[in-house]
């Protein structure tokens, strides 16, 4: 009876499990989010939180890396940015600020999205969409809560956590999560055709 390699649970499992490769995956995930954060701009009526490609990078990375590597990548991103590496939105760095709650949300969302991805949720488009929506909700919940208390603003109203931290980003995040949800199943199909994904 021949022994076979375990079936990959997430895309990163195909790469192999040596420490060097695992560290490269975590570092690469953090760098991907850092690069995505540089594609950023503020809406004229919302000076509190910039629009970026970060959420796209976070949920895509988490779906590809799994829970532990995904959370480790986001933790590395948060730690290095907090101590001065200028790879937060628009080259910012440092701990705190109105938008820092979203960075904390990245860690939690990466773990949850990664954990569900390990159960096969990234192999179909519809399941991936559900996974990405959940990840986005987690990021919003933590980010908007931090924003509310950081700025001392109400939850709802004209100048509120809802307006500055959620409402203005919903359309863009729907587009980003649909893109991420489409890329992951396509990657699995490519791996399956190559005989690596089963």
C-alpha atoms as a PDB file:
ATOM      1  CA  UNK A   1       0.000   0.000   0.000  1.00  0.00           C
ATOM      2  CA  UNK A   2       1.475   3.333  -1.074  1.00  0.00           C
ATOM      3  CA  UNK A   3       1.427   6.371   1.166  1.00  0.00           C
ATOM      4  CA  UNK A   4       0.230   9.582  -0.392  1.00  0.00           C
ATOM      5  CA  UNK A   5       0.832  13.186   0.636  1.00  0.00           C
ATOM      6  CA  UNK A   6      -2.017  14.817   2.534  1.00  0.00           C
ATOM      7  CA  UNK A   7      -4.497  16.748   0.436  1.00  0.00           C
ATOM      8  CA  UNK A   8      -3.785  20.498   0.566  1.00  0.00           C
ATOM      9  CA  UNK A   9      -6.364  22.346   2.634  1.00  0.00           C
ATOM     10  CA  UNK A  10      -5.418  25.819   1.389  1.00  0.00           C
ATOM     11  CA  UNK A  11      -3.423  26.985  -1.611  1.00  0.00           C
ATOM     12  CA  UNK A  12      -0.287  27.592   0.443  1.00  0.00           C
ATOM     13  CA  UNK A  13      -0.148  23.905   1.408  1.00  0.00           C
ATOM     14  CA  UNK A  14       0.946  23.136  -2.145  1.00  0.00           C
ATOM     15  CA  UNK A  15       4.184  25.061  -1.584  1.00  0.00           C
ATOM     16  CA  UNK A  16       5.456  22.661   1.047  1.00  0.00           C
ATOM     17  CA  UNK A  17       5.917  22.801   4.779  1.00  0.00           C
ATOM     18  CA  UNK A  18       9.567  23.652   5.422  1.00  0.00           C
ATOM     19  CA  UNK A  19      10.178  26.490   7.876  1.00  0.00           C
ATOM     20  CA  UNK A  20      11.854  28.615   5.222  1.00  0.00           C
ATOM     21  CA  UNK A  21       8.833  28.313   2.935  1.00  0.00           C
ATOM     22  CA  UNK A  22       6.406  29.019   5.758  1.00  0.00           C
ATOM     23  CA  UNK A  23       8.309  32.153   6.758  1.00  0.00           C
ATOM     24  CA  UNK A  24       8.420  33.246   3.121  1.00  0.00           C
ATOM     25  CA  UNK A  25       4.646  32.802   2.834  1.00  0.00           C
ATOM     26  CA  UNK A  26       4.007  34.831   6.000  1.00  0.00           C
ATOM     27  CA  UNK A  27       6.436  37.561   4.945  1.00  0.00           C
ATOM     28  CA  UNK A  28       5.012  37.595   1.442  1.00  0.00           C
ATOM     29  CA  UNK A  29       1.459  37.910   2.775  1.00  0.00           C
ATOM     30  CA  UNK A  30       2.441  40.855   4.981  1.00  0.00           C
ATOM     31  CA  UNK A  31       4.286  42.512   2.077  1.00  0.00           C
ATOM     32  CA  UNK A  32       1.286  42.015  -0.231  1.00  0.00           C
ATOM     33  CA  UNK A  33      -0.942  43.862   2.239  1.00  0.00           C
ATOM     34  CA  UNK A  34       1.700  46.563   2.693  1.00  0.00           C
ATOM     35  CA  UNK A  35       1.947  47.126  -1.060  1.00  0.00           C
ATOM     36  CA  UNK A  36      -1.844  47.120  -1.420  1.00  0.00           C
ATOM     37  CA  UNK A  37      -2.058  49.793   1.284  1.00  0.00           C
ATOM     38  CA  UNK A  38      -0.119  52.187  -0.941  1.00  0.00           C
ATOM     39  CA  UNK A  39      -2.996  52.258  -3.436  1.00  0.00           C
ATOM     40  CA  UNK A  40      -4.971  54.646  -1.268  1.00  0.00           C
ATOM     41  CA  UNK A  41      -6.881  57.903  -1.325  1.00  0.00           C
ATOM     42  CA  UNK A  42      -9.264  59.848   0.897  1.00  0.00           C
ATOM     43  CA  UNK A  43     -12.768  60.728  -0.165  1.00  0.00           C
ATOM     44  CA  UNK A  44     -13.266  64.528   0.011  1.00  0.00           C
ATOM     45  CA  UNK A  45     -15.979  64.178   2.663  1.00  0.00           C
ATOM     46  CA  UNK A  46     -14.245  61.462   4.699  1.00  0.00           C
ATOM     47  CA  UNK A  47     -10.859  62.478   6.153  1.00  0.00           C
ATOM     48  CA  UNK A  48     -10.825  59.700   8.769  1.00  0.00           C
ATOM     49  CA  UNK A  49     -10.251  56.458   6.817  1.00  0.00           C
ATOM     50  CA  UNK A  50      -8.705  56.133   3.338  1.00  0.00           C
ATOM     51  CA  UNK A  51      -9.927  53.853   0.569  1.00  0.00           C
ATOM     52  CA  UNK A  52      -7.272  51.197  -0.101  1.00  0.00           C
ATOM     53  CA  UNK A  53      -6.828  47.722  -1.569  1.00  0.00           C
ATOM     54  CA  UNK A  54      -5.942  46.371   1.875  1.00  0.00           C
ATOM     55  CA  UNK A  55      -9.164  44.478   2.526  1.00  0.00           C
ATOM     56  CA  UNK A  56      -8.792  42.738  -0.834  1.00  0.00           C
ATOM     57  CA  UNK A  57      -5.234  41.740   0.054  1.00  0.00           C
ATOM     58  CA  UNK A  58      -6.155  40.624   3.575  1.00  0.00           C
ATOM     59  CA  UNK A  59      -9.015  38.322   2.652  1.00  0.00           C
ATOM     60  CA  UNK A  60      -7.218  36.946  -0.401  1.00  0.00           C
ATOM     61  CA  UNK A  61      -4.080  36.265   1.645  1.00  0.00           C
ATOM     62  CA  UNK A  62      -6.054  34.632   4.454  1.00  0.00           C
ATOM     63  CA  UNK A  63      -7.958  32.418   2.024  1.00  0.00           C
ATOM     64  CA  UNK A  64      -4.708  31.319   0.413  1.00  0.00           C
ATOM     65  CA  UNK A  65      -2.569  30.895   3.541  1.00  0.00           C
ATOM     66  CA  UNK A  66      -5.015  29.514   6.094  1.00  0.00           C
ATOM     67  CA  UNK A  67      -5.623  30.553   9.691  1.00  0.00           C
ATOM     68  CA  UNK A  68      -2.207  30.479  11.364  1.00  0.00           C
ATOM     69  CA  UNK A  69      -0.124  31.727   8.459  1.00  0.00           C
ATOM     70  CA  UNK A  70      -2.774  34.321   7.561  1.00  0.00           C
ATOM     71  CA  UNK A  71      -3.006  35.672  11.116  1.00  0.00           C
ATOM     72  CA  UNK A  72       0.798  35.602  11.408  1.00  0.00           C
ATOM     73  CA  UNK A  73       1.126  37.616   8.189  1.00  0.00           C
ATOM     74  CA  UNK A  74      -1.326  40.262   9.420  1.00  0.00           C
ATOM     75  CA  UNK A  75       0.344  40.360  12.847  1.00  0.00           C
ATOM     76  CA  UNK A  76       3.719  40.887  11.161  1.00  0.00           C
ATOM     77  CA  UNK A  77       2.163  43.644   9.053  1.00  0.00           C
ATOM     78  CA  UNK A  78       0.726  45.340  12.156  1.00  0.00           C
ATOM     79  CA  UNK A  79       3.897  44.998  14.248  1.00  0.00           C
ATOM     80  CA  UNK A  80       6.339  46.231  11.626  1.00  0.00           C
ATOM     81  CA  UNK A  81       4.066  49.142  10.735  1.00  0.00           C
ATOM     82  CA  UNK A  82       3.624  50.012  14.417  1.00  0.00           C
ATOM     83  CA  UNK A  83       7.383  50.266  14.987  1.00  0.00           C
ATOM     84  CA  UNK A  84       7.974  52.476  11.981  1.00  0.00           C
ATOM     85  CA  UNK A  85       7.948  50.596   8.683  1.00  0.00           C
ATOM     86  CA  UNK A  86       5.996  52.962   6.393  1.00  0.00           C
ATOM     87  CA  UNK A  87       3.654  50.432   4.843  1.00  0.00           C
ATOM     88  CA  UNK A  88       0.296  51.373   6.311  1.00  0.00           C
ATOM     89  CA  UNK A  89      -2.062  53.334   4.041  1.00  0.00           C
ATOM     90  CA  UNK A  90      -0.243  55.990   2.030  1.00  0.00           C
ATOM     91  CA  UNK A  91       3.127  55.237   3.655  1.00  0.00           C
ATOM     92  CA  UNK A  92       1.976  55.836   7.227  1.00  0.00           C
ATOM     93  CA  UNK A  93       3.328  53.976  10.246  1.00  0.00           C
ATOM     94  CA  UNK A  94       3.011  53.957  14.022  1.00  0.00           C
ATOM     95  CA  UNK A  95       0.589  52.582  16.565  1.00  0.00           C
ATOM     96  CA  UNK A  96      -2.828  54.161  16.965  1.00  0.00           C
ATOM     97  CA  UNK A  97      -4.826  56.673  15.003  1.00  0.00           C
ATOM     98  CA  UNK A  98      -8.469  56.548  13.921  1.00  0.00           C
ATOM     99  CA  UNK A  99      -7.935  53.795  11.334  1.00  0.00           C
ATOM    100  CA  UNK A 100      -5.741  51.467  13.424  1.00  0.00           C
ATOM    101  CA  UNK A 101      -8.743  49.356  14.433  1.00  0.00           C
ATOM    102  CA  UNK A 102      -8.984  48.103  10.870  1.00  0.00           C
ATOM    103  CA  UNK A 103      -5.422  46.790  11.117  1.00  0.00           C
ATOM    104  CA  UNK A 104      -6.368  44.896  14.283  1.00  0.00           C
ATOM    105  CA  UNK A 105      -9.442  43.657  12.423  1.00  0.00           C
ATOM    106  CA  UNK A 106      -7.161  42.300   9.693  1.00  0.00           C
ATOM    107  CA  UNK A 107      -5.586  39.882  12.190  1.00  0.00           C
ATOM    108  CA  UNK A 108      -8.904  38.557  13.486  1.00  0.00           C
ATOM    109  CA  UNK A 109     -10.452  38.356  10.010  1.00  0.00           C
ATOM    110  CA  UNK A 110      -7.393  36.574   8.633  1.00  0.00           C
ATOM    111  CA  UNK A 111      -7.644  33.886  11.303  1.00  0.00           C
ATOM    112  CA  UNK A 112     -11.387  33.337  10.805  1.00  0.00           C
ATOM    113  CA  UNK A 113     -11.250  33.434   6.994  1.00  0.00           C
ATOM    114  CA  UNK A 114      -8.202  31.184   7.019  1.00  0.00           C
ATOM    115  CA  UNK A 115      -9.843  28.675   9.351  1.00  0.00           C
ATOM    116  CA  UNK A 116     -12.910  28.396   7.135  1.00  0.00           C
ATOM    117  CA  UNK A 117     -10.716  28.200   4.039  1.00  0.00           C
ATOM    118  CA  UNK A 118      -9.045  25.146   5.587  1.00  0.00           C
ATOM    119  CA  UNK A 119     -12.409  23.384   5.446  1.00  0.00           C
ATOM    120  CA  UNK A 120     -12.603  23.871   1.673  1.00  0.00           C
ATOM    121  CA  UNK A 121     -14.551  27.139   1.523  1.00  0.00           C
ATOM    122  CA  UNK A 122     -12.292  28.642  -1.162  1.00  0.00           C
ATOM    123  CA  UNK A 123     -12.871  25.904  -3.722  1.00  0.00           C
ATOM    124  CA  UNK A 124     -16.174  27.308  -5.012  1.00  0.00           C
ATOM    125  CA  UNK A 125     -17.158  30.863  -5.881  1.00  0.00           C
ATOM    126  CA  UNK A 126     -20.322  31.026  -3.772  1.00  0.00           C
ATOM    127  CA  UNK A 127     -18.677  29.643  -0.644  1.00  0.00           C
ATOM    128  CA  UNK A 128     -15.759  32.009  -1.202  1.00  0.00           C
ATOM    129  CA  UNK A 129     -18.149  34.958  -1.408  1.00  0.00           C
ATOM    130  CA  UNK A 130     -19.694  34.014   1.939  1.00  0.00           C
ATOM    131  CA  UNK A 131     -16.239  33.679   3.436  1.00  0.00           C
ATOM    132  CA  UNK A 132     -15.136  37.054   2.122  1.00  0.00           C
ATOM    133  CA  UNK A 133     -18.313  38.766   3.355  1.00  0.00           C
ATOM    134  CA  UNK A 134     -17.682  37.372   6.837  1.00  0.00           C
ATOM    135  CA  UNK A 135     -14.092  38.599   6.764  1.00  0.00           C
ATOM    136  CA  UNK A 136     -15.202  42.069   5.677  1.00  0.00           C
ATOM    137  CA  UNK A 137     -17.838  42.242   8.428  1.00  0.00           C
ATOM    138  CA  UNK A 138     -15.201  41.387  11.041  1.00  0.00           C
ATOM    139  CA  UNK A 139     -12.876  44.109   9.718  1.00  0.00           C
ATOM    140  CA  UNK A 140     -15.725  46.642   9.697  1.00  0.00           C
ATOM    141  CA  UNK A 141     -16.899  45.728  13.203  1.00  0.00           C
ATOM    142  CA  UNK A 142     -13.496  46.111  14.823  1.00  0.00           C
ATOM    143  CA  UNK A 143     -12.402  49.053  12.683  1.00  0.00           C
ATOM    144  CA  UNK A 144     -15.584  51.094  13.124  1.00  0.00           C
ATOM    145  CA  UNK A 145     -15.630  50.423  16.878  1.00  0.00           C
ATOM    146  CA  UNK A 146     -12.048  51.681  17.221  1.00  0.00           C
ATOM    147  CA  UNK A 147     -12.916  54.674  15.023  1.00  0.00           C
ATOM    148  CA  UNK A 148     -15.942  55.565  17.136  1.00  0.00           C
ATOM    149  CA  UNK A 149     -14.011  55.634  20.396  1.00  0.00           C
ATOM    150  CA  UNK A 150     -10.862  57.144  18.878  1.00  0.00           C
ATOM    151  CA  UNK A 151     -12.757  60.130  17.474  1.00  0.00           C
ATOM    152  CA  UNK A 152     -15.489  60.248  20.128  1.00  0.00           C
ATOM    153  CA  UNK A 153     -18.254  60.149  17.522  1.00  0.00           C
ATOM    154  CA  UNK A 154     -21.680  58.443  17.645  1.00  0.00           C
ATOM    155  CA  UNK A 155     -22.473  55.155  15.925  1.00  0.00           C
ATOM    156  CA  UNK A 156     -24.985  56.725  13.531  1.00  0.00           C
ATOM    157  CA  UNK A 157     -25.729  60.174  12.149  1.00  0.00           C
ATOM    158  CA  UNK A 158     -24.056  62.669   9.821  1.00  0.00           C
ATOM    159  CA  UNK A 159     -20.594  62.500  11.436  1.00  0.00           C
ATOM    160  CA  UNK A 160     -20.613  58.956  12.747  1.00  0.00           C
ATOM    161  CA  UNK A 161     -18.693  55.682  12.787  1.00  0.00           C
ATOM    162  CA  UNK A 162     -21.211  54.308  10.280  1.00  0.00           C
ATOM    163  CA  UNK A 163     -20.531  57.121   7.785  1.00  0.00           C
ATOM    164  CA  UNK A 164     -16.757  57.428   8.231  1.00  0.00           C
ATOM    165  CA  UNK A 165     -15.974  53.777   8.847  1.00  0.00           C
ATOM    166  CA  UNK A 166     -18.483  51.628   6.948  1.00  0.00           C
ATOM    167  CA  UNK A 167     -20.914  53.290   4.536  1.00  0.00           C
ATOM    168  CA  UNK A 168     -18.362  54.933   2.280  1.00  0.00           C
ATOM    169  CA  UNK A 169     -16.510  51.650   1.731  1.00  0.00           C
ATOM    170  CA  UNK A 170     -19.282  49.141   1.093  1.00  0.00           C
ATOM    171  CA  UNK A 171     -19.440  49.401  -2.707  1.00  0.00           C
ATOM    172  CA  UNK A 172     -15.669  49.209  -3.099  1.00  0.00           C
ATOM    173  CA  UNK A 173     -15.394  46.309  -0.686  1.00  0.00           C
ATOM    174  CA  UNK A 174     -18.121  44.364  -2.486  1.00  0.00           C
ATOM    175  CA  UNK A 175     -16.110  44.662  -5.702  1.00  0.00           C
ATOM    176  CA  UNK A 176     -12.917  43.646  -3.906  1.00  0.00           C
ATOM    177  CA  UNK A 177     -14.457  40.649  -2.165  1.00  0.00           C
ATOM    178  CA  UNK A 178     -16.022  39.412  -5.406  1.00  0.00           C
ATOM    179  CA  UNK A 179     -12.612  39.639  -7.082  1.00  0.00           C
ATOM    180  CA  UNK A 180     -10.935  37.746  -4.243  1.00  0.00           C
ATOM    181  CA  UNK A 181     -13.722  35.161  -4.171  1.00  0.00           C
ATOM    182  CA  UNK A 182     -13.282  34.585  -7.899  1.00  0.00           C
ATOM    183  CA  UNK A 183      -9.489  34.287  -7.828  1.00  0.00           C
ATOM    184  CA  UNK A 184      -9.279  31.547  -5.205  1.00  0.00           C
ATOM    185  CA  UNK A 185     -11.459  28.941  -6.997  1.00  0.00           C
ATOM    186  CA  UNK A 186      -9.642  29.722 -10.258  1.00  0.00           C
ATOM    187  CA  UNK A 187      -6.326  29.022  -8.554  1.00  0.00           C
ATOM    188  CA  UNK A 188      -7.686  25.693  -7.251  1.00  0.00           C
ATOM    189  CA  UNK A 189      -8.849  24.730 -10.747  1.00  0.00           C
ATOM    190  CA  UNK A 190      -5.398  25.480 -12.139  1.00  0.00           C
ATOM    191  CA  UNK A 191      -3.747  23.392  -9.421  1.00  0.00           C
ATOM    192  CA  UNK A 192      -6.174  20.536  -9.978  1.00  0.00           C
ATOM    193  CA  UNK A 193      -5.385  20.520 -13.697  1.00  0.00           C
ATOM    194  CA  UNK A 194      -1.704  20.352 -12.807  1.00  0.00           C
ATOM    195  CA  UNK A 195      -2.394  17.470 -10.426  1.00  0.00           C
ATOM    196  CA  UNK A 196      -1.341  19.454  -7.345  1.00  0.00           C
ATOM    197  CA  UNK A 197      -4.642  20.396  -5.754  1.00  0.00           C
ATOM    198  CA  UNK A 198      -6.255  17.069  -4.992  1.00  0.00           C
END
